[in-house]
Amino acid sequence: MIFYGIRPVIAGLIWSAGISVAKTSIFKSDLVTEVFNYSFSIATSVIDFRSVGILVVVLLILVKYKVHPVLTILGAGMAGIIVYIFIPSL
């Protein structure tokens, strides 16, 4: 009975970590600063489209081909290294 409430807490912690990683990888700068600077009218100044592209490709591979998630994480990491070296700014 003591551990009855642990499952929602763990799910919330995992969700919070996922949101934190998504914020730092998809958005180019701090969102609070961008809100105060009114830069949301120009999406390219806020969103890193290279990261979004890698995300979309990895999600499609996960859903369509059912590749193991660890392999997709490693593949996304390698794709990120290649994309960020050969396409320095977009």
PDB file of N, CA and C in Angstrom:
ATOM      1  N   MET A   1       0.801  -1.200   0.000  1.00  0.00           N
ATOM      2  CA  MET A   1       0.000   0.000   0.000  1.00  0.00           C
ATOM      3  C   MET A   1       0.845   1.265   0.000  1.00  0.00           C
ATOM      4  N   ILE A   2       2.034   1.182   0.523  1.00  0.00           N
ATOM      5  CA  ILE A   2       2.873   2.374   0.600  1.00  0.00           C
ATOM      6  C   ILE A   2       3.284   2.833  -0.806  1.00  0.00           C
ATOM      7  N   PHE A   3       3.533   1.887  -1.696  1.00  0.00           N
ATOM      8  CA  PHE A   3       4.017   2.218  -3.028  1.00  0.00           C
ATOM      9  C   PHE A   3       2.900   2.438  -4.041  1.00  0.00           C
ATOM     10  N   TYR A   4       1.672   2.592  -3.595  1.00  0.00           N
ATOM     11  CA  TYR A   4       0.530   2.736  -4.490  1.00  0.00           C
ATOM     12  C   TYR A   4       0.633   4.012  -5.344  1.00  0.00           C
ATOM     13  N   GLY A   5       1.156   5.087  -4.803  1.00  0.00           N
ATOM     14  CA  GLY A   5       1.239   6.353  -5.527  1.00  0.00           C
ATOM     15  C   GLY A   5       2.539   6.567  -6.258  1.00  0.00           C
ATOM     16  N   ILE A   6       3.425   5.574  -6.263  1.00  0.00           N
ATOM     17  CA  ILE A   6       4.736   5.733  -6.898  1.00  0.00           C
ATOM     18  C   ILE A   6       4.623   5.772  -8.427  1.00  0.00           C
ATOM     19  N   ARG A   7       3.746   4.975  -9.009  1.00  0.00           N
ATOM     20  CA  ARG A   7       3.647   4.891 -10.464  1.00  0.00           C
ATOM     21  C   ARG A   7       3.320   6.242 -11.109  1.00  0.00           C
ATOM     22  N   PRO A   8       2.330   7.000 -10.634  1.00  0.00           N
ATOM     23  CA  PRO A   8       2.077   8.315 -11.247  1.00  0.00           C
ATOM     24  C   PRO A   8       3.227   9.300 -11.044  1.00  0.00           C
ATOM     25  N   VAL A   9       3.905   9.185  -9.914  1.00  0.00           N
ATOM     26  CA  VAL A   9       5.040  10.083  -9.658  1.00  0.00           C
ATOM     27  C   VAL A   9       6.167   9.801 -10.639  1.00  0.00           C
ATOM     28  N   ILE A  10       6.470   8.530 -10.862  1.00  0.00           N
ATOM     29  CA  ILE A  10       7.533   8.155 -11.799  1.00  0.00           C
ATOM     30  C   ILE A  10       7.158   8.573 -13.218  1.00  0.00           C
ATOM     31  N   ALA A  11       5.889   8.371 -13.592  1.00  0.00           N
ATOM     32  CA  ALA A  11       5.450   8.793 -14.924  1.00  0.00           C
ATOM     33  C   ALA A  11       5.586  10.302 -15.088  1.00  0.00           C
ATOM     34  N   GLY A  12       5.267  11.059 -14.053  1.00  0.00           N
ATOM     35  CA  GLY A  12       5.416  12.511 -14.106  1.00  0.00           C
ATOM     36  C   GLY A  12       6.867  12.939 -14.213  1.00  0.00           C
ATOM     37  N   LEU A  13       7.743  12.260 -13.500  1.00  0.00           N
ATOM     38  CA  LEU A  13       9.170  12.585 -13.580  1.00  0.00           C
ATOM     39  C   LEU A  13       9.725  12.301 -14.975  1.00  0.00           C
ATOM     40  N   ILE A  14       9.330  11.171 -15.556  1.00  0.00           N
ATOM     41  CA  ILE A  14       9.790  10.841 -16.904  1.00  0.00           C
ATOM     42  C   ILE A  14       9.238  11.852 -17.907  1.00  0.00           C
ATOM     43  N   TRP A  15       7.971  12.220 -17.765  1.00  0.00           N
ATOM     44  CA  TRP A  15       7.347  13.213 -18.645  1.00  0.00           C
ATOM     45  C   TRP A  15       8.068  14.558 -18.535  1.00  0.00           C
ATOM     46  N   SER A  16       8.377  14.971 -17.321  1.00  0.00           N
ATOM     47  CA  SER A  16       9.066  16.240 -17.100  1.00  0.00           C
ATOM     48  C   SER A  16      10.457  16.233 -17.730  1.00  0.00           C
ATOM     49  N   ALA A  17      11.164  15.125 -17.607  1.00  0.00           N
ATOM     50  CA  ALA A  17      12.490  15.025 -18.226  1.00  0.00           C
ATOM     51  C   ALA A  17      12.381  15.089 -19.740  1.00  0.00           C
ATOM     52  N   GLY A  18      11.375  14.437 -20.307  1.00  0.00           N
ATOM     53  CA  GLY A  18      11.179  14.475 -21.759  1.00  0.00           C
ATOM     54  C   GLY A  18      10.871  15.870 -22.261  1.00  0.00           C
ATOM     55  N   ILE A  19      10.029  16.596 -21.548  1.00  0.00           N
ATOM     56  CA  ILE A  19       9.705  17.975 -21.933  1.00  0.00           C
ATOM     57  C   ILE A  19      10.941  18.862 -21.837  1.00  0.00           C
ATOM     58  N   SER A  20      11.731  18.671 -20.799  1.00  0.00           N
ATOM     59  CA  SER A  20      12.944  19.470 -20.624  1.00  0.00           C
ATOM     60  C   SER A  20      13.937  19.226 -21.758  1.00  0.00           C
ATOM     61  N   VAL A  21      14.117  17.978 -22.134  1.00  0.00           N
ATOM     62  CA  VAL A  21      15.029  17.655 -23.239  1.00  0.00           C
ATOM     63  C   VAL A  21      14.488  18.215 -24.547  1.00  0.00           C
ATOM     64  N   ALA A  22      13.183  18.111 -24.765  1.00  0.00           N
ATOM     65  CA  ALA A  22      12.591  18.647 -26.003  1.00  0.00           C
ATOM     66  C   ALA A  22      12.758  20.160 -26.084  1.00  0.00           C
ATOM     67  N   LYS A  23      12.578  20.843 -24.960  1.00  0.00           N
ATOM     68  CA  LYS A  23      12.736  22.306 -24.971  1.00  0.00           C
ATOM     69  C   LYS A  23      14.152  22.701 -25.330  1.00  0.00           C
ATOM     70  N   THR A  24      15.134  22.001 -24.788  1.00  0.00           N
ATOM     71  CA  THR A  24      16.518  22.399 -25.041  1.00  0.00           C
ATOM     72  C   THR A  24      17.004  21.962 -26.418  1.00  0.00           C
ATOM     73  N   SER A  25      16.403  20.933 -27.015  1.00  0.00           N
ATOM     74  CA  SER A  25      16.907  20.476 -28.304  1.00  0.00           C
ATOM     75  C   SER A  25      16.156  21.073 -29.488  1.00  0.00           C
ATOM     76  N   ILE A  26      14.873  21.365 -29.337  1.00  0.00           N
ATOM     77  CA  ILE A  26      14.094  21.868 -30.474  1.00  0.00           C
ATOM     78  C   ILE A  26      14.161  23.386 -30.586  1.00  0.00           C
ATOM     79  N   PHE A  27      14.155  24.079 -29.467  1.00  0.00           N
ATOM     80  CA  PHE A  27      14.156  25.534 -29.499  1.00  0.00           C
ATOM     81  C   PHE A  27      15.571  26.071 -29.409  1.00  0.00           C
ATOM     82  N   LYS A  28      15.859  27.129 -30.171  1.00  0.00           N
ATOM     83  CA  LYS A  28      17.211  27.667 -30.254  1.00  0.00           C
ATOM     84  C   LYS A  28      17.638  28.434 -29.012  1.00  0.00           C
ATOM     85  N   SER A  29      16.712  29.084 -28.335  1.00  0.00           N
ATOM     86  CA  SER A  29      17.092  29.892 -27.183  1.00  0.00           C
ATOM     87  C   SER A  29      16.054  29.740 -26.088  1.00  0.00           C
ATOM     88  N   ASP A  30      16.258  30.441 -25.016  1.00  0.00           N
ATOM     89  CA  ASP A  30      15.346  30.382 -23.884  1.00  0.00           C
ATOM     90  C   ASP A  30      13.988  30.953 -24.274  1.00  0.00           C
ATOM     91  N   LEU A  31      12.930  30.195 -24.031  1.00  0.00           N
ATOM     92  CA  LEU A  31      11.598  30.629 -24.445  1.00  0.00           C
ATOM     93  C   LEU A  31      11.126  31.865 -23.697  1.00  0.00           C
ATOM     94  N   VAL A  32      11.505  32.007 -22.448  1.00  0.00           N
ATOM     95  CA  VAL A  32      11.074  33.181 -21.680  1.00  0.00           C
ATOM     96  C   VAL A  32      11.636  34.445 -22.309  1.00  0.00           C
ATOM     97  N   THR A  33      12.886  34.403 -22.713  1.00  0.00           N
ATOM     98  CA  THR A  33      13.503  35.548 -23.374  1.00  0.00           C
ATOM     99  C   THR A  33      12.802  35.850 -24.691  1.00  0.00           C
ATOM    100  N   GLU A  34      12.468  34.813 -25.443  1.00  0.00           N
ATOM    101  CA  GLU A  34      11.819  35.012 -26.730  1.00  0.00           C
ATOM    102  C   GLU A  34      10.414  35.583 -26.576  1.00  0.00           C
ATOM    103  N   VAL A  35       9.704  35.186 -25.534  1.00  0.00           N
ATOM    104  CA  VAL A  35       8.361  35.735 -25.317  1.00  0.00           C
ATOM    105  C   VAL A  35       8.455  37.230 -25.063  1.00  0.00           C
ATOM    106  N   PHE A  36       9.423  37.624 -24.260  1.00  0.00           N
ATOM    107  CA  PHE A  36       9.558  39.045 -23.962  1.00  0.00           C
ATOM    108  C   PHE A  36      10.092  39.834 -25.145  1.00  0.00           C
ATOM    109  N   ASN A  37      10.776  39.195 -26.051  1.00  0.00           N
ATOM    110  CA  ASN A  37      11.282  39.879 -27.244  1.00  0.00           C
ATOM    111  C   ASN A  37      10.309  39.813 -28.417  1.00  0.00           C
ATOM    112  N   TYR A  38       9.185  39.151 -28.254  1.00  0.00           N
ATOM    113  CA  TYR A  38       8.161  39.010 -29.294  1.00  0.00           C
ATOM    114  C   TYR A  38       8.714  38.416 -30.580  1.00  0.00           C
ATOM    115  N   SER A  39       9.560  37.428 -30.472  1.00  0.00           N
ATOM    116  CA  SER A  39      10.161  36.821 -31.660  1.00  0.00           C
ATOM    117  C   SER A  39       9.374  35.638 -32.181  1.00  0.00           C
ATOM    118  N   PHE A  40       8.210  35.340 -31.603  1.00  0.00           N
ATOM    119  CA  PHE A  40       7.453  34.194 -32.077  1.00  0.00           C
ATOM    120  C   PHE A  40       6.807  34.439 -33.433  1.00  0.00           C
ATOM    121  N   SER A  41       6.828  35.659 -33.912  1.00  0.00           N
ATOM    122  CA  SER A  41       6.259  35.926 -35.228  1.00  0.00           C
ATOM    123  C   SER A  41       7.135  35.344 -36.328  1.00  0.00           C
ATOM    124  N   ILE A  42       8.396  35.122 -36.057  1.00  0.00           N
ATOM    125  CA  ILE A  42       9.319  34.535 -37.021  1.00  0.00           C
ATOM    126  C   ILE A  42       9.741  33.171 -36.483  1.00  0.00           C
ATOM    127  N   ALA A  43       9.196  32.105 -37.054  1.00  0.00           N
ATOM    128  CA  ALA A  43       9.438  30.755 -36.530  1.00  0.00           C
ATOM    129  C   ALA A  43      10.895  30.332 -36.670  1.00  0.00           C
ATOM    130  N   THR A  44      11.579  30.808 -37.703  1.00  0.00           N
ATOM    131  CA  THR A  44      12.958  30.380 -37.906  1.00  0.00           C
ATOM    132  C   THR A  44      13.896  30.921 -36.845  1.00  0.00           C
ATOM    133  N   SER A  45      13.504  31.975 -36.152  1.00  0.00           N
ATOM    134  CA  SER A  45      14.372  32.503 -35.095  1.00  0.00           C
ATOM    135  C   SER A  45      14.223  31.726 -33.799  1.00  0.00           C
ATOM    136  N   VAL A  46      13.197  30.886 -33.699  1.00  0.00           N
ATOM    137  CA  VAL A  46      12.932  30.168 -32.458  1.00  0.00           C
ATOM    138  C   VAL A  46      13.159  28.671 -32.594  1.00  0.00           C
ATOM    139  N   ILE A  47      12.714  28.082 -33.694  1.00  0.00           N
ATOM    140  CA  ILE A  47      12.735  26.630 -33.848  1.00  0.00           C
ATOM    141  C   ILE A  47      13.966  26.195 -34.628  1.00  0.00           C
ATOM    142  N   ASP A  48      14.619  25.149 -34.144  1.00  0.00           N
ATOM    143  CA  ASP A  48      15.750  24.549 -34.837  1.00  0.00           C
ATOM    144  C   ASP A  48      15.206  23.446 -35.746  1.00  0.00           C
ATOM    145  N   PHE A  49      15.088  23.729 -37.025  1.00  0.00           N
ATOM    146  CA  PHE A  49      14.444  22.804 -37.955  1.00  0.00           C
ATOM    147  C   PHE A  49      15.266  21.553 -38.216  1.00  0.00           C
ATOM    148  N   ARG A  50      16.573  21.598 -37.996  1.00  0.00           N
ATOM    149  CA  ARG A  50      17.378  20.387 -38.146  1.00  0.00           C
ATOM    150  C   ARG A  50      16.986  19.363 -37.096  1.00  0.00           C
ATOM    151  N   SER A  51      16.783  19.810 -35.867  1.00  0.00           N
ATOM    152  CA  SER A  51      16.362  18.900 -34.795  1.00  0.00           C
ATOM    153  C   SER A  51      14.966  18.358 -35.045  1.00  0.00           C
ATOM    154  N   VAL A  52      14.080  19.216 -35.527  1.00  0.00           N
ATOM    155  CA  VAL A  52      12.717  18.769 -35.823  1.00  0.00           C
ATOM    156  C   VAL A  52      12.741  17.737 -36.948  1.00  0.00           C
ATOM    157  N   GLY A  53      13.575  17.948 -37.948  1.00  0.00           N
ATOM    158  CA  GLY A  53      13.696  16.986 -39.049  1.00  0.00           C
ATOM    159  C   GLY A  53      14.190  15.634 -38.574  1.00  0.00           C
ATOM    160  N   ILE A  54      15.196  15.628 -37.721  1.00  0.00           N
ATOM    161  CA  ILE A  54      15.698  14.371 -37.161  1.00  0.00           C
ATOM    162  C   ILE A  54      14.613  13.695 -36.334  1.00  0.00           C
ATOM    163  N   LEU A  55      13.870  14.479 -35.559  1.00  0.00           N
ATOM    164  CA  LEU A  55      12.778  13.935 -34.751  1.00  0.00           C
ATOM    165  C   LEU A  55      11.724  13.263 -35.618  1.00  0.00           C
ATOM    166  N   VAL A  56      11.319  13.916 -36.690  1.00  0.00           N
ATOM    167  CA  VAL A  56      10.282  13.361 -37.569  1.00  0.00           C
ATOM    168  C   VAL A  56      10.761  12.069 -38.228  1.00  0.00           C
ATOM    169  N   VAL A  57      11.997  12.062 -38.703  1.00  0.00           N
ATOM    170  CA  VAL A  57      12.537  10.866 -39.357  1.00  0.00           C
ATOM    171  C   VAL A  57      12.614   9.706 -38.362  1.00  0.00           C
ATOM    172  N   VAL A  58      13.088   9.974 -37.156  1.00  0.00           N
ATOM    173  CA  VAL A  58      13.206   8.916 -36.149  1.00  0.00           C
ATOM    174  C   VAL A  58      11.831   8.381 -35.746  1.00  0.00           C
ATOM    175  N   LEU A  59      10.852   9.269 -35.595  1.00  0.00           N
ATOM    176  CA  LEU A  59       9.505   8.804 -35.254  1.00  0.00           C
ATOM    177  C   LEU A  59       8.906   7.959 -36.370  1.00  0.00           C
ATOM    178  N   LEU A  60       9.129   8.347 -37.620  1.00  0.00           N
ATOM    179  CA  LEU A  60       8.642   7.541 -38.743  1.00  0.00           C
ATOM    180  C   LEU A  60       9.299   6.169 -38.770  1.00  0.00           C
ATOM    181  N   ILE A  61      10.594   6.114 -38.519  1.00  0.00           N
ATOM    182  CA  ILE A  61      11.299   4.830 -38.473  1.00  0.00           C
ATOM    183  C   ILE A  61      10.770   3.963 -37.332  1.00  0.00           C
ATOM    184  N   LEU A  62      10.529   4.581 -36.173  1.00  0.00           N
ATOM    185  CA  LEU A  62       9.996   3.825 -35.039  1.00  0.00           C
ATOM    186  C   LEU A  62       8.619   3.237 -35.349  1.00  0.00           C
ATOM    187  N   VAL A  63       7.754   4.025 -35.956  1.00  0.00           N
ATOM    188  CA  VAL A  63       6.382   3.578 -36.196  1.00  0.00           C
ATOM    189  C   VAL A  63       6.308   2.603 -37.371  1.00  0.00           C
ATOM    190  N   LYS A  64       6.974   2.929 -38.471  1.00  0.00           N
ATOM    191  CA  LYS A  64       6.825   2.123 -39.680  1.00  0.00           C
ATOM    192  C   LYS A  64       7.622   0.819 -39.620  1.00  0.00           C
ATOM    193  N   TYR A  65       8.872   0.893 -39.185  1.00  0.00           N
ATOM    194  CA  TYR A  65       9.739  -0.286 -39.228  1.00  0.00           C
ATOM    195  C   TYR A  65       9.892  -0.982 -37.876  1.00  0.00           C
ATOM    196  N   LYS A  66       9.392  -0.379 -36.815  1.00  0.00           N
ATOM    197  CA  LYS A  66       9.438  -0.940 -35.469  1.00  0.00           C
ATOM    198  C   LYS A  66      10.860  -1.333 -35.054  1.00  0.00           C
ATOM    199  N   VAL A  67      11.786  -0.415 -35.274  1.00  0.00           N
ATOM    200  CA  VAL A  67      13.178  -0.601 -34.883  1.00  0.00           C
ATOM    201  C   VAL A  67      13.286  -0.401 -33.380  1.00  0.00           C
ATOM    202  N   HIS A  68      14.215  -1.075 -32.752  1.00  0.00           N
ATOM    203  CA  HIS A  68      14.401  -0.968 -31.307  1.00  0.00           C
ATOM    204  C   HIS A  68      14.723   0.486 -30.939  1.00  0.00           C
ATOM    205  N   PRO A  69      14.112   1.011 -29.876  1.00  0.00           N
ATOM    206  CA  PRO A  69      14.326   2.419 -29.502  1.00  0.00           C
ATOM    207  C   PRO A  69      15.778   2.796 -29.231  1.00  0.00           C
ATOM    208  N   VAL A  70      16.553   1.864 -28.688  1.00  0.00           N
ATOM    209  CA  VAL A  70      17.969   2.177 -28.432  1.00  0.00           C
ATOM    210  C   VAL A  70      18.704   2.407 -29.751  1.00  0.00           C
ATOM    211  N   LEU A  71      18.393   1.610 -30.754  1.00  0.00           N
ATOM    212  CA  LEU A  71      19.027   1.805 -32.058  1.00  0.00           C
ATOM    213  C   LEU A  71      18.611   3.130 -32.690  1.00  0.00           C
ATOM    214  N   THR A  72      17.364   3.524 -32.501  1.00  0.00           N
ATOM    215  CA  THR A  72      16.932   4.805 -33.048  1.00  0.00           C
ATOM    216  C   THR A  72      17.577   5.977 -32.312  1.00  0.00           C
ATOM    217  N   ILE A  73      17.791   5.830 -31.015  1.00  0.00           N
ATOM    218  CA  ILE A  73      18.492   6.881 -30.263  1.00  0.00           C
ATOM    219  C   ILE A  73      19.921   7.019 -30.758  1.00  0.00           C
ATOM    220  N   LEU A  74      20.591   5.890 -30.947  1.00  0.00           N
ATOM    221  CA  LEU A  74      21.962   5.931 -31.467  1.00  0.00           C
ATOM    222  C   LEU A  74      21.997   6.503 -32.888  1.00  0.00           C
ATOM    223  N   GLY A  75      21.036   6.093 -33.716  1.00  0.00           N
ATOM    224  CA  GLY A  75      20.964   6.616 -35.077  1.00  0.00           C
ATOM    225  C   GLY A  75      20.685   8.108 -35.110  1.00  0.00           C
ATOM    226  N   ALA A  76      19.794   8.562 -34.224  1.00  0.00           N
ATOM    227  CA  ALA A  76      19.499   9.997 -34.154  1.00  0.00           C
ATOM    228  C   ALA A  76      20.723  10.779 -33.689  1.00  0.00           C
ATOM    229  N   GLY A  77      21.476  10.216 -32.771  1.00  0.00           N
ATOM    230  CA  GLY A  77      22.705  10.869 -32.320  1.00  0.00           C
ATOM    231  C   GLY A  77      23.721  10.996 -33.450  1.00  0.00           C
ATOM    232  N   MET A  78      23.884   9.915 -34.202  1.00  0.00           N
ATOM    233  CA  MET A  78      24.810   9.962 -35.340  1.00  0.00           C
ATOM    234  C   MET A  78      24.310  10.926 -36.411  1.00  0.00           C
ATOM    235  N   ALA A  79      23.008  10.921 -36.661  1.00  0.00           N
ATOM    236  CA  ALA A  79      22.441  11.855 -37.643  1.00  0.00           C
ATOM    237  C   ALA A  79      22.634  13.297 -37.183  1.00  0.00           C
ATOM    238  N   GLY A  80      22.478  13.542 -35.891  1.00  0.00           N
ATOM    239  CA  GLY A  80      22.687  14.887 -35.352  1.00  0.00           C
ATOM    240  C   GLY A  80      24.119  15.348 -35.520  1.00  0.00           C
ATOM    241  N   ILE A  81      25.052  14.453 -35.264  1.00  0.00           N
ATOM    242  CA  ILE A  81      26.469  14.804 -35.447  1.00  0.00           C
ATOM    243  C   ILE A  81      26.739  15.134 -36.911  1.00  0.00           C
ATOM    244  N   ILE A  82      26.246  14.304 -37.817  1.00  0.00           N
ATOM    245  CA  ILE A  82      26.475  14.531 -39.245  1.00  0.00           C
ATOM    246  C   ILE A  82      25.800  15.817 -39.714  1.00  0.00           C
ATOM    247  N   VAL A  83      24.550  16.018 -39.331  1.00  0.00           N
ATOM    248  CA  VAL A  83      23.807  17.199 -39.789  1.00  0.00           C
ATOM    249  C   VAL A  83      24.419  18.477 -39.238  1.00  0.00           C
ATOM    250  N   TYR A  84      24.795  18.475 -37.978  1.00  0.00           N
ATOM    251  CA  TYR A  84      25.325  19.701 -37.382  1.00  0.00           C
ATOM    252  C   TYR A  84      26.763  19.990 -37.815  1.00  0.00           C
ATOM    253  N   ILE A  85      27.480  18.985 -38.324  1.00  0.00           N
ATOM    254  CA  ILE A  85      28.823  19.249 -38.847  1.00  0.00           C
ATOM    255  C   ILE A  85      28.740  19.752 -40.292  1.00  0.00           C
ATOM    256  N   PHE A  86      27.909  19.103 -41.116  1.00  0.00           N
ATOM    257  CA  PHE A  86      27.863  19.439 -42.543  1.00  0.00           C
ATOM    258  C   PHE A  86      26.896  20.562 -42.876  1.00  0.00           C
ATOM    259  N   ILE A  87      25.949  20.846 -41.994  1.00  0.00           N
ATOM    260  CA  ILE A  87      25.025  21.960 -42.191  1.00  0.00           C
ATOM    261  C   ILE A  87      25.134  22.847 -40.955  1.00  0.00           C
ATOM    262  N   PRO A  88      26.153  23.691 -40.863  1.00  0.00           N
ATOM    263  CA  PRO A  88      26.408  24.432 -39.635  1.00  0.00           C
ATOM    264  C   PRO A  88      25.300  25.395 -39.240  1.00  0.00           C
ATOM    265  N   SER A  89      24.638  26.024 -40.185  1.00  0.00           N
ATOM    266  CA  SER A  89      23.544  26.921 -39.821  1.00  0.00           C
ATOM    267  C   SER A  89      22.449  26.814 -40.867  1.00  0.00           C
ATOM    268  N   LEU A  90      21.234  26.837 -40.382  1.00  0.00           N
ATOM    269  CA  LEU A  90      20.095  26.699 -41.281  1.00  0.00           C
ATOM    270  C   LEU A  90      19.085  27.765 -40.974  1.00  0.00           C
TER     271      LEU A  90
END
